[in-house]
Amino acid sequence: MTVAAVGLLAAACAGRPAPATKVATPGTSAAAGEAGPSASSPSSSGATPTPLASVGRGEGTLSVVAIDGYAEWGGVDPKVKWVGTFEKETGCKVSLRYYDPRAAERPGDFPPSSFDVISVTPEVGGRLMDEGKAAPLNTGLLHGYDEIPKRLRTLPSVTRGGHVYGVPYVWATNEILYDTGKAGPDGPESLFTDKGPVMFRDRPLSLADAALVLKAQGTDVGADIKDPFDLTDAQLDAAAELFTSDEDGEHTFWRDPVEVVQGFATGSVRLAQATPYHLDVLRRGHKPVRALTDRPVTGWADSWMMSSQAPHPSCAYKWLDFTTSPDVQRRVSSWMGLAPANPKGCTGAARRICADYRVGTAQAFRGVYFAVRPKAYDKWVERWSRVVS
């Protein structure tokens, strides 16, 4: 099994620290949030902070808040590590915390003086921008930034008001997988109309996939949908109703990628909302699974952001620069089974992942609606809670 396949399984089964509950400190620095703001920290007055003009030698420490698997120091697999490389190259000792982005909706989450950089989903990143907790960036200080495709660099999930707030890290698309021995779907609507069991990703933004079906059907409510992540209340209700129309109760919801692999491997799933990497893993396991090639589809790009009150801004920029490097991009892609934002990371074990996502080709982003935190996200959360209850 390749490193990529091992990464997918390890993310669920191995001894990785539980998100938001345990702290990994590969360096010798204090725990995240103990250091106070430095003299060069952005203002906390509420005004948009000015992007850093230049990067200094570094403050000697860096507080990193990461999605599980996005900053590895060898705790799961001694061969999978890049945090230590950063420390050696920059002299910035890393204090690392993991968090679960699905649970990041509590009031007071992410005090901006308690971290320097954070990896974010579009939902979390949108919230940080809305709340003024993310700093606008001087991308001229990031050597690998221009190697990231313009489509990713200009996404609404990382930009706001003419400023750049996020550096794309990894991305993926959603597609429909089916067991060829049990299903022959005609199109995306089959997720909601075919006999189950059907598996969906447990995420409020999955409502956007239903919105694409409504848009394709051209019904009264779907005809006016231009962006599946920007829906009226009526469109949102109609999208939710597609999920709840399952009278047999054969809709299930996955949070861990391994659940999809296990579902098809055991024959307990006929169709599923999944990713190209899921398909690759199943094919290597000689499972009779294919994907619909229909587009448009939804996708998402996760990124790194810097706190608006980063205690260690120079080390923060060094980290942002480091994460765009081809070496780190290769490592995180092959570990997580996600496409690297920088196509130069498509080497070694990441080549197969890049082929899955067509990285570097004109087809990579064709027909992809990338996720952004909806303006009325609380309504999406409320509708989704009804779907999964």
Protein backbone atom coordinates (compact mmCIF):
# COMPACT_ATOMS: atom_id res chain seq x y z
CA MET A 1 0.00 0.00 0.00
CA THR A 2 1.34 3.47 -0.91
CA VAL A 3 1.93 6.27 1.58
CA ALA A 4 -1.26 7.89 0.26
CA ALA A 5 -3.39 4.88 1.12
CA VAL A 6 -1.69 4.54 4.48
CA GLY A 7 -2.46 8.21 5.14
CA LEU A 8 -6.16 7.73 4.46
CA LEU A 9 -6.41 4.80 6.83
CA ALA A 10 -4.13 6.29 9.48
CA ALA A 11 -6.23 9.43 9.64
CA ALA A 12 -9.03 7.35 11.10
CA CYS A 13 -7.42 4.41 12.80
CA ALA A 14 -3.98 5.37 14.06
CA GLY A 15 -2.98 7.10 17.27
CA ARG A 16 -3.31 10.67 16.08
CA PRO A 17 -4.21 13.15 18.84
CA ALA A 18 -7.95 13.70 19.08
CA PRO A 19 -8.92 17.06 17.54
CA ALA A 20 -9.48 19.89 20.01
CA THR A 21 -8.76 17.69 23.02
CA LYS A 22 -5.05 16.90 23.04
CA VAL A 23 -2.02 19.01 22.32
CA ALA A 24 1.09 17.95 20.44
CA THR A 25 4.18 20.02 21.12
CA PRO A 26 7.03 18.84 18.89
CA GLY A 27 9.16 21.85 19.77
CA THR A 28 10.21 23.20 23.14
CA SER A 29 8.05 26.32 23.08
CA ALA A 30 5.25 27.06 25.51
CA ALA A 31 1.73 25.87 24.90
CA ALA A 32 -0.25 27.76 22.30
CA GLY A 33 -1.62 31.03 23.54
CA GLU A 34 0.81 31.54 26.45
CA ALA A 35 2.92 34.13 24.71
CA GLY A 36 1.56 37.67 24.65
CA PRO A 37 1.45 39.82 21.52
CA SER A 38 4.81 41.08 20.34
CA ALA A 39 5.58 44.69 19.57
CA SER A 40 5.10 43.97 15.87
CA SER A 41 1.66 42.38 16.29
CA PRO A 42 -1.24 43.88 14.31
CA SER A 43 -3.51 46.28 16.11
CA SER A 44 -6.46 44.90 18.07
CA SER A 45 -8.44 48.13 17.67
CA GLY A 46 -10.92 46.53 15.27
CA ALA A 47 -9.55 48.21 12.13
CA THR A 48 -8.20 46.04 9.35
CA PRO A 49 -4.53 45.47 10.22
CA THR A 50 -1.87 46.46 7.71
CA PRO A 51 -0.13 43.49 6.08
CA LEU A 52 3.44 42.95 7.22
CA ALA A 53 5.89 44.90 5.05
CA SER A 54 8.85 42.58 5.56
CA VAL A 55 9.75 39.38 7.36
CA GLY A 56 12.28 39.63 10.18
CA ARG A 57 14.60 36.97 11.52
CA GLY A 58 11.74 35.43 13.46
CA GLU A 59 10.63 35.51 17.08
CA GLY A 60 11.84 32.00 17.84
CA THR A 61 8.40 30.46 18.37
CA LEU A 62 5.19 29.85 16.48
CA SER A 63 1.69 28.86 17.64
CA VAL A 64 -0.02 26.65 15.05
CA VAL A 65 -3.66 25.54 15.15
CA ALA A 66 -4.26 22.81 12.59
CA ILE A 67 -6.88 20.50 11.20
CA ASP A 68 -5.93 16.94 12.06
CA GLY A 69 -3.28 15.74 9.57
CA TYR A 70 -2.38 19.15 8.14
CA ALA A 71 0.75 19.66 10.27
CA GLU A 72 2.61 16.42 10.92
CA TRP A 73 5.60 15.98 13.22
CA GLY A 74 5.97 12.19 13.16
CA GLY A 75 3.54 11.35 15.94
CA VAL A 76 1.50 8.97 13.79
CA ASP A 77 4.21 7.75 11.42
CA PRO A 78 7.89 8.61 12.01
CA LYS A 79 8.30 8.95 8.25
CA VAL A 80 5.50 11.49 7.93
CA LYS A 81 6.74 14.76 9.31
CA TRP A 82 7.49 18.26 8.16
CA VAL A 83 7.09 20.40 11.29
CA GLY A 84 10.62 19.51 12.42
CA THR A 85 12.00 20.55 9.04
CA PHE A 86 10.39 23.95 9.47
CA GLU A 87 11.90 24.36 12.92
CA LYS A 88 15.39 23.53 11.66
CA GLU A 89 15.15 25.82 8.65
CA THR A 90 13.70 28.84 10.46
CA GLY A 91 14.59 28.57 14.14
CA CYS A 92 10.89 28.99 14.96
CA LYS A 93 9.88 26.33 17.51
CA VAL A 94 6.34 25.12 16.88
CA SER A 95 3.61 24.79 19.49
CA LEU A 96 0.90 22.75 17.80
CA ARG A 97 -2.80 22.26 18.56
CA TYR A 98 -5.31 20.24 16.57
CA TYR A 99 -8.98 21.14 16.28
CA ASP A 100 -12.11 19.72 14.70
CA PRO A 101 -13.54 22.25 12.19
CA ARG A 102 -17.00 20.68 12.57
CA ALA A 103 -17.08 21.81 16.20
CA ALA A 104 -15.65 25.28 15.65
CA GLU A 105 -18.84 27.27 16.11
CA ARG A 106 -18.73 28.11 19.79
CA PRO A 107 -18.77 31.78 20.84
CA GLY A 108 -15.26 33.01 21.55
CA ASP A 109 -13.52 30.34 19.48
CA PHE A 110 -10.03 31.24 18.27
CA PRO A 111 -9.08 34.32 20.33
CA PRO A 112 -6.76 36.06 17.84
CA SER A 113 -3.96 36.61 20.35
CA SER A 114 -3.85 32.87 21.14
CA PHE A 115 -2.41 31.66 17.84
CA ASP A 116 -0.28 32.75 14.90
CA VAL A 117 -1.51 30.60 12.02
CA ILE A 118 -4.44 28.26 11.51
CA SER A 119 -5.48 25.83 8.81
CA VAL A 120 -9.11 26.39 7.87
CA THR A 121 -11.97 25.00 5.85
CA PRO A 122 -14.03 27.52 3.85
CA GLU A 123 -16.58 27.55 6.68
CA VAL A 124 -14.05 28.35 9.41
CA GLY A 125 -12.03 30.72 7.25
CA GLY A 126 -15.15 32.67 6.31
CA ARG A 127 -16.02 33.03 9.96
CA LEU A 128 -12.55 34.30 10.88
CA MET A 129 -12.72 36.91 8.13
CA ASP A 130 -16.22 37.95 9.19
CA GLU A 131 -15.10 38.35 12.81
CA GLY A 132 -11.89 40.22 11.99
CA LYS A 133 -9.71 37.44 13.40
CA ALA A 134 -7.73 36.85 10.20
CA ALA A 135 -5.04 39.22 8.96
CA PRO A 136 -4.73 40.43 5.37
CA LEU A 137 -1.54 39.09 3.84
CA ASN A 138 1.34 40.56 1.88
CA THR A 139 1.60 37.75 -0.65
CA GLY A 140 4.76 39.30 -2.09
CA LEU A 141 6.57 37.85 0.94
CA LEU A 142 5.55 34.28 0.03
CA HIS A 143 7.90 32.78 -2.54
CA GLY A 144 5.62 29.92 -3.63
CA TYR A 145 2.40 31.89 -3.71
CA ASP A 146 2.45 32.72 -7.43
CA GLU A 147 2.94 29.03 -8.23
CA ILE A 148 -0.58 28.37 -6.92
CA PRO A 149 -3.17 28.56 -9.76
CA LYS A 150 -5.01 31.86 -9.95
CA ARG A 151 -8.36 30.07 -9.59
CA LEU A 152 -7.41 28.97 -6.06
CA ARG A 153 -5.70 32.23 -5.11
CA THR A 154 -8.79 34.29 -5.95
CA LEU A 155 -11.48 32.14 -4.35
CA PRO A 156 -14.00 34.03 -2.16
CA SER A 157 -13.05 31.66 0.67
CA VAL A 158 -9.58 33.27 0.90
CA THR A 159 -10.20 36.84 -0.30
CA ARG A 160 -12.32 39.70 0.98
CA GLY A 161 -12.59 43.36 0.00
CA GLY A 162 -9.59 43.30 -2.30
CA HIS A 163 -7.36 41.67 0.32
CA VAL A 164 -5.93 38.16 0.47
CA TYR A 165 -6.52 36.41 3.80
CA GLY A 166 -5.75 32.78 3.05
CA VAL A 167 -3.03 30.79 1.33
CA PRO A 168 -4.56 27.71 -0.38
CA TYR A 169 -3.08 24.46 0.94
CA VAL A 170 -5.03 21.48 -0.43
CA TRP A 171 -8.23 21.08 -2.41
CA ALA A 172 -10.69 18.42 -3.55
CA THR A 173 -13.90 17.84 -5.47
CA ASN A 174 -17.01 15.85 -4.66
CA GLU A 175 -18.15 13.15 -7.03
CA ILE A 176 -20.66 10.31 -7.02
CA LEU A 177 -19.31 6.77 -6.66
CA TYR A 178 -21.38 3.67 -7.29
CA ASP A 179 -21.01 -0.09 -7.02
CA THR A 180 -21.26 -1.32 -10.62
CA GLY A 181 -22.73 -4.61 -9.49
CA LYS A 182 -25.59 -2.96 -7.64
CA ALA A 183 -26.31 0.41 -9.25
CA GLY A 184 -26.35 2.11 -12.65
CA PRO A 185 -27.07 5.76 -11.90
CA ASP A 186 -28.25 8.05 -14.69
CA GLY A 187 -26.88 11.23 -13.13
CA PRO A 188 -26.31 13.17 -9.90
CA GLU A 189 -30.01 13.01 -9.06
CA SER A 190 -29.55 9.28 -8.49
CA LEU A 191 -28.09 10.07 -5.07
CA PHE A 192 -31.60 11.09 -4.05
CA THR A 193 -33.80 8.91 -6.25
CA ASP A 194 -32.09 5.52 -6.49
CA LYS A 195 -32.53 2.73 -4.01
CA GLY A 196 -30.10 2.90 -1.08
CA PRO A 197 -28.06 2.52 0.93
CA VAL A 198 -26.62 5.90 -0.09
CA MET A 199 -23.86 7.67 1.86
CA PHE A 200 -23.46 11.45 2.08
CA ARG A 201 -20.75 13.57 3.61
CA ASP A 202 -21.95 14.88 6.98
CA ARG A 203 -21.44 18.57 6.36
CA PRO A 204 -23.98 21.42 6.02
CA LEU A 205 -22.38 22.42 2.72
CA SER A 206 -23.52 19.08 1.28
CA LEU A 207 -26.79 20.94 0.71
CA ALA A 208 -24.99 22.60 -2.21
CA ASP A 209 -24.79 19.24 -3.99
CA ALA A 210 -28.55 18.94 -3.75
CA ALA A 211 -28.83 22.50 -5.06
CA LEU A 212 -26.87 21.48 -8.17
CA VAL A 213 -29.43 18.73 -8.79
CA LEU A 214 -32.26 21.26 -8.47
CA LYS A 215 -30.43 23.57 -10.86
CA ALA A 216 -30.01 20.78 -13.43
CA GLN A 217 -33.66 19.79 -13.16
CA GLY A 218 -34.68 23.36 -14.02
CA THR A 219 -37.67 23.38 -11.70
CA ASP A 220 -39.22 26.65 -10.57
CA VAL A 221 -37.09 26.70 -7.44
CA GLY A 222 -33.93 25.46 -9.15
CA ALA A 223 -33.95 27.50 -12.34
CA ASP A 224 -32.71 30.65 -10.62
CA ILE A 225 -29.81 29.00 -8.78
CA LYS A 226 -26.58 30.55 -10.02
CA ASP A 227 -24.23 29.51 -7.20
CA PRO A 228 -25.11 26.41 -5.12
CA PHE A 229 -23.52 28.06 -2.07
CA ASP A 230 -25.72 31.16 -2.38
CA LEU A 231 -29.32 30.05 -1.92
CA THR A 232 -32.58 31.72 -0.99
CA ASP A 233 -34.56 30.29 1.91
CA ALA A 234 -36.89 28.53 -0.55
CA GLN A 235 -33.97 27.02 -2.46
CA LEU A 236 -32.34 25.90 0.77
CA ASP A 237 -35.56 24.26 1.90
CA ALA A 238 -35.90 22.46 -1.43
CA ALA A 239 -32.32 21.21 -1.23
CA ALA A 240 -32.92 19.84 2.26
CA GLU A 241 -36.11 18.15 1.11
CA LEU A 242 -34.15 16.09 -1.42
CA PHE A 243 -32.29 14.48 1.48
CA THR A 244 -35.39 13.91 3.58
CA SER A 245 -37.40 12.37 0.72
CA ASP A 246 -35.82 8.99 1.54
CA GLU A 247 -38.80 7.06 2.92
CA ASP A 248 -36.79 3.87 3.47
CA GLY A 249 -34.29 5.57 5.77
CA GLU A 250 -31.35 4.35 3.73
CA HIS A 251 -29.43 7.60 3.73
CA THR A 252 -26.35 7.49 5.94
CA PHE A 253 -23.75 10.15 6.62
CA TRP A 254 -19.97 9.89 6.84
CA ARG A 255 -17.45 12.05 8.63
CA ASP A 256 -14.38 9.88 8.37
CA PRO A 257 -13.09 9.12 4.83
CA VAL A 258 -12.49 5.51 5.80
CA GLU A 259 -16.24 5.02 6.27
CA VAL A 260 -16.71 5.39 2.50
CA VAL A 261 -13.98 2.86 1.73
CA GLN A 262 -15.38 0.43 4.28
CA GLY A 263 -18.93 0.88 2.95
CA PHE A 264 -18.03 -0.12 -0.58
CA ALA A 265 -15.50 -2.75 0.51
CA THR A 266 -18.15 -4.57 2.58
CA GLY A 267 -20.91 -4.09 0.02
CA SER A 268 -23.07 -2.12 2.43
CA VAL A 269 -23.22 1.00 0.19
CA ARG A 270 -24.54 1.32 -3.36
CA LEU A 271 -23.84 5.01 -3.99
CA ALA A 272 -21.90 7.67 -2.13
CA GLN A 273 -20.85 11.27 -2.24
CA ALA A 274 -17.08 10.94 -2.16
CA THR A 275 -13.84 12.16 -3.73
CA PRO A 276 -11.58 11.03 -6.60
CA TYR A 277 -9.14 9.68 -4.03
CA HIS A 278 -11.77 7.37 -2.58
CA LEU A 279 -12.24 5.94 -6.05
CA ASP A 280 -8.50 5.43 -6.49
CA VAL A 281 -8.18 3.58 -3.18
CA LEU A 282 -11.13 1.32 -4.00
CA ARG A 283 -9.82 0.54 -7.46
CA ARG A 284 -6.47 -0.42 -6.02
CA GLY A 285 -8.40 -2.72 -3.73
CA HIS A 286 -10.04 -4.27 -6.83
CA LYS A 287 -13.53 -3.14 -5.84
CA PRO A 288 -16.15 -2.74 -8.64
CA VAL A 289 -16.64 0.97 -8.08
CA ARG A 290 -16.89 3.73 -10.65
CA ALA A 291 -17.61 7.46 -10.64
CA LEU A 292 -20.09 9.54 -12.56
CA THR A 293 -18.28 11.99 -14.81
CA ASP A 294 -21.05 14.60 -14.79
CA ARG A 295 -20.10 18.18 -14.10
CA PRO A 296 -20.68 20.69 -12.59
CA VAL A 297 -19.66 19.47 -9.15
CA THR A 298 -18.86 21.07 -5.82
CA GLY A 299 -15.40 21.26 -4.32
CA TRP A 300 -13.49 22.94 -1.55
CA ALA A 301 -10.07 24.39 -0.83
CA ASP A 302 -8.59 24.47 2.67
CA SER A 303 -6.04 27.16 3.44
CA TRP A 304 -3.73 28.66 6.02
CA MET A 305 -4.58 31.99 7.62
CA MET A 306 -2.69 34.29 9.96
CA SER A 307 -4.23 35.75 13.11
CA SER A 308 -5.05 39.45 13.11
CA GLN A 309 -3.16 39.63 16.41
CA ALA A 310 -0.44 37.08 15.69
CA PRO A 311 2.06 37.15 18.57
CA HIS A 312 4.87 36.01 16.24
CA PRO A 313 4.18 37.51 12.79
CA SER A 314 7.61 36.91 11.25
CA CYS A 315 7.54 33.21 12.14
CA ALA A 316 3.94 33.15 10.89
CA TYR A 317 5.00 34.36 7.45
CA LYS A 318 7.83 31.85 7.43
CA TRP A 319 5.26 29.11 8.05
CA LEU A 320 2.94 30.36 5.30
CA ASP A 321 5.90 30.43 2.93
CA PHE A 322 7.00 26.96 4.04
CA THR A 323 3.57 25.39 3.44
CA THR A 324 3.54 26.48 -0.21
CA SER A 325 6.87 24.77 -0.92
CA PRO A 326 6.80 21.78 -3.29
CA ASP A 327 8.20 19.48 -0.60
CA VAL A 328 5.47 20.22 1.96
CA GLN A 329 2.81 20.17 -0.73
CA ARG A 330 3.96 16.73 -1.82
CA ARG A 331 3.95 15.46 1.75
CA VAL A 332 0.52 16.71 2.77
CA SER A 333 -1.05 15.60 -0.52
CA SER A 334 0.25 12.05 -0.30
CA TRP A 335 -0.65 11.85 3.41
CA MET A 336 -4.20 13.18 3.17
CA GLY A 337 -5.22 12.11 -0.35
CA LEU A 338 -6.02 15.70 -1.33
CA ALA A 339 -4.77 17.72 -4.28
CA PRO A 340 -1.83 20.06 -3.57
CA ALA A 341 -2.48 23.75 -4.16
CA ASN A 342 0.99 24.10 -5.70
CA PRO A 343 1.26 21.83 -8.78
CA LYS A 344 5.02 21.59 -8.19
CA GLY A 345 4.14 19.30 -5.29
CA CYS A 346 3.05 16.62 -7.79
CA THR A 347 6.12 14.46 -7.35
CA GLY A 348 6.86 11.15 -5.69
CA ALA A 349 3.91 9.65 -3.82
CA ALA A 350 1.73 12.65 -4.70
CA ARG A 351 1.80 11.95 -8.45
CA ARG A 352 -1.07 9.52 -8.24
CA ILE A 353 -3.14 11.98 -6.19
CA CYS A 354 -2.47 14.72 -8.74
CA ALA A 355 -3.59 12.40 -11.52
CA ASP A 356 -6.83 11.72 -9.62
CA TYR A 357 -7.56 15.45 -9.49
CA ARG A 358 -6.05 16.35 -12.89
CA VAL A 359 -3.76 18.86 -11.21
CA GLY A 360 -1.99 21.13 -13.65
CA THR A 361 -4.41 20.45 -16.51
CA ALA A 362 -7.18 22.54 -18.02
CA GLN A 363 -9.68 19.99 -16.68
CA ALA A 364 -8.75 20.40 -13.01
CA PHE A 365 -11.21 23.18 -12.19
CA ARG A 366 -13.67 22.81 -15.08
CA GLY A 367 -17.22 22.89 -13.80
CA VAL A 368 -16.20 23.10 -10.14
CA TYR A 369 -18.12 25.32 -7.73
CA PHE A 370 -15.73 25.86 -4.84
CA ALA A 371 -17.22 26.16 -1.36
CA VAL A 372 -17.52 29.42 0.50
CA ARG A 373 -19.18 30.03 3.85
CA PRO A 374 -22.76 31.05 2.97
CA LYS A 375 -23.92 34.42 4.23
CA ALA A 376 -26.70 32.75 6.22
CA TYR A 377 -24.60 29.81 7.36
CA ASP A 378 -26.61 29.38 10.54
CA LYS A 379 -29.63 28.52 8.37
CA TRP A 380 -27.58 25.89 6.54
CA VAL A 381 -26.57 24.37 9.85
CA GLU A 382 -30.18 24.34 11.05
CA ARG A 383 -31.48 22.72 7.83
CA TRP A 384 -28.70 20.13 7.93
CA SER A 385 -29.43 19.24 11.54
CA ARG A 386 -32.95 18.31 10.41
CA VAL A 387 -31.54 16.17 7.60
CA VAL A 388 -29.27 14.07 9.79
CA SER A 389 -31.59 13.85 12.81
